[in-house]
C-alpha atoms as a PDB file:
ATOM      1  CA  MET A   1      -0.572  82.594 -18.368  1.00  0.00           C
ATOM      2  CA  PRO A   2       3.262  82.616 -19.729  1.00  0.00           C
ATOM      3  CA  ASP A   3       6.225  81.378 -17.737  1.00  0.00           C
ATOM      4  CA  ASN A   4       8.070  83.717 -15.707  1.00  0.00           C
ATOM      5  CA  ALA A   5      11.136  85.004 -17.236  1.00  0.00           C
ATOM      6  CA  VAL A   6      14.632  83.960 -15.821  1.00  0.00           C
ATOM      7  CA  LEU A   7      16.407  87.061 -14.594  1.00  0.00           C
ATOM      8  CA  SER A   8      19.838  88.000 -13.258  1.00  0.00           C
ATOM      9  CA  ILE A   9      19.755  89.749 -10.067  1.00  0.00           C
ATOM     10  CA  ARG A  10      22.599  91.520  -8.463  1.00  0.00           C
ATOM     11  CA  PHE A  11      22.643  92.920  -4.929  1.00  0.00           C
ATOM     12  CA  HIS A  12      25.411  95.363  -4.182  1.00  0.00           C
ATOM     13  CA  PRO A  13      25.800  95.970  -0.443  1.00  0.00           C
ATOM     14  CA  VAL A  14      27.321  98.847   1.402  1.00  0.00           C
ATOM     15  CA  ALA A  15      30.463  96.864   2.156  1.00  0.00           C
ATOM     16  CA  GLY A  16      31.425  93.330   0.842  1.00  0.00           C
ATOM     17  CA  GLU A  17      30.999  91.511  -2.562  1.00  0.00           C
ATOM     18  CA  ASP A  18      28.044  91.655  -4.827  1.00  0.00           C
ATOM     19  CA  VAL A  19      25.426  88.797  -4.415  1.00  0.00           C
ATOM     20  CA  TYR A  20      24.295  87.382  -7.777  1.00  0.00           C
ATOM     21  CA  VAL A  21      21.341  85.081  -8.304  1.00  0.00           C
ATOM     22  CA  MET A  22      19.144  83.846 -11.399  1.00  0.00           C
ATOM     23  CA  SER A  23      15.418  84.105 -10.305  1.00  0.00           C
ATOM     24  CA  GLY A  24      12.448  82.988 -12.122  1.00  0.00           C
ATOM     25  CA  ASP A  25      10.090  84.879  -9.645  1.00  0.00           C
ATOM     26  CA  PHE A  26       9.079  87.672 -11.981  1.00  0.00           C
ATOM     27  CA  ALA A  27       7.597  87.899 -15.351  1.00  0.00           C
ATOM     28  CA  GLY A  28       9.934  90.707 -16.269  1.00  0.00           C
ATOM     29  CA  GLU A  29      12.634  93.283 -15.400  1.00  0.00           C
ATOM     30  CA  ALA A  30       9.984  95.945 -14.697  1.00  0.00           C
ATOM     31  CA  GLU A  31       8.094  93.495 -12.179  1.00  0.00           C
ATOM     32  CA  ALA A  32      11.421  92.505 -10.445  1.00  0.00           C
ATOM     33  CA  LEU A  33      12.336  96.326 -10.160  1.00  0.00           C
ATOM     34  CA  GLU A  34       8.907  97.189  -8.703  1.00  0.00           C
ATOM     35  CA  ALA A  35       8.893  94.323  -6.018  1.00  0.00           C
ATOM     36  CA  ILE A  36      12.509  95.324  -5.063  1.00  0.00           C
ATOM     37  CA  ALA A  37      11.788  98.974  -4.685  1.00  0.00           C
ATOM     38  CA  HIS A  38       8.518  98.028  -2.594  1.00  0.00           C
ATOM     39  CA  ALA A  39      10.428  96.043  -0.362  1.00  0.00           C
ATOM     40  CA  LEU A  40      13.116  98.554   0.163  1.00  0.00           C
ATOM     41  CA  ASP A  41      10.669 101.261   0.728  1.00  0.00           C
ATOM     42  CA  GLU A  42       9.027  99.177   3.348  1.00  0.00           C
ATOM     43  CA  ARG A  43      12.282  98.255   4.966  1.00  0.00           C
ATOM     44  CA  ARG A  44      11.529  94.432   4.613  1.00  0.00           C
ATOM     45  CA  SER A  45      13.435  91.460   3.071  1.00  0.00           C
ATOM     46  CA  LEU A  46      12.734  90.279  -0.323  1.00  0.00           C
ATOM     47  CA  VAL A  47      11.532  86.726  -0.560  1.00  0.00           C
ATOM     48  CA  LEU A  48      12.513  84.876  -3.768  1.00  0.00           C
ATOM     49  CA  THR A  49      11.100  81.469  -4.293  1.00  0.00           C
ATOM     50  CA  ARG A  50      12.487  80.166  -7.573  1.00  0.00           C
ATOM     51  CA  THR A  51      16.257  81.058  -7.191  1.00  0.00           C
ATOM     52  CA  ARG A  52      19.622  79.822  -8.156  1.00  0.00           C
ATOM     53  CA  TYR A  53      22.654  81.014  -6.350  1.00  0.00           C
ATOM     54  CA  GLY A  54      25.968  81.486  -8.335  1.00  0.00           C
ATOM     55  CA  SER A  55      26.729  78.209 -10.303  1.00  0.00           C
ATOM     56  CA  GLU A  56      24.434  76.045  -8.412  1.00  0.00           C
ATOM     57  CA  ALA A  57      22.062  73.798 -10.537  1.00  0.00           C
ATOM     58  CA  ASP A  58      19.282  73.478  -7.616  1.00  0.00           C
ATOM     59  CA  VAL A  59      16.498  75.923  -7.603  1.00  0.00           C
ATOM     60  CA  ASN A  60      15.898  76.964  -3.971  1.00  0.00           C
ATOM     61  CA  GLY A  61      13.971  79.676  -1.962  1.00  0.00           C
ATOM     62  CA  MET A  62      15.999  82.547  -0.707  1.00  0.00           C
ATOM     63  CA  VAL A  63      15.250  85.609   1.637  1.00  0.00           C
ATOM     64  CA  VAL A  64      17.501  88.633   0.793  1.00  0.00           C
ATOM     65  CA  ASN A  65      17.965  91.228   3.875  1.00  0.00           C
ATOM     66  CA  LEU A  66      17.839  94.666   1.824  1.00  0.00           C
ATOM     67  CA  ALA A  67      19.045  96.688   4.772  1.00  0.00           C
ATOM     68  CA  ASN A  68      22.556  97.366   3.558  1.00  0.00           C
ATOM     69  CA  VAL A  69      21.952  97.175  -0.305  1.00  0.00           C
ATOM     70  CA  VAL A  70      22.727 100.427  -1.996  1.00  0.00           C
ATOM     71  CA  SER A  71      22.131  99.237  -5.557  1.00  0.00           C
ATOM     72  CA  VAL A  72      20.331  96.278  -7.337  1.00  0.00           C
ATOM     73  CA  ARG A  73      20.780  95.515 -11.164  1.00  0.00           C
ATOM     74  CA  VAL A  74      18.074  93.318 -12.903  1.00  0.00           C
ATOM     75  CA  SER A  75      18.783  92.008 -16.242  1.00  0.00           C
ATOM     76  CA  LYS A  76      18.060  88.897 -18.631  1.00  0.00           C
ATOM     77  CA  PRO A  77      20.920  86.371 -18.314  1.00  0.00           C
ATOM     78  CA  GLU A  78      22.157  86.973 -21.862  1.00  0.00           C
ATOM     79  CA  SER A  79      22.559  90.706 -21.348  1.00  0.00           C
ATOM     80  CA  VAL A  80      24.064  90.766 -17.703  1.00  0.00           C
ATOM     81  CA  GLU A  81      26.189  94.017 -18.729  1.00  0.00           C
ATOM     82  CA  ALA A  82      22.934  95.888 -19.753  1.00  0.00           C
ATOM     83  CA  GLY A  83      20.485  95.660 -16.907  1.00  0.00           C
ATOM     84  CA  GLN A  84      18.273  98.236 -15.391  1.00  0.00           C
ATOM     85  CA  TYR A  85      19.467  99.801 -12.147  1.00  0.00           C
ATOM     86  CA  LEU A  86      17.419 100.601  -9.254  1.00  0.00           C
END
């Protein structure tokens, strides 16, 4: 089984600044979008276990409350401007 891809995930809440993380929880962009959409549909939080927040070097777990998120962008780190939108 190949290693998971490192993806840039940017959450845009209704009010406030975007939240940007790097995550190794998914095999690719399509899998990440599917998991995020599923969490949104079920009105539950998204649990990420291999995540770096901002410029931190440590990999940690993170729970993202999706209640006020209006859009999510998923892309590979080298193509931050060109990711898929949910």
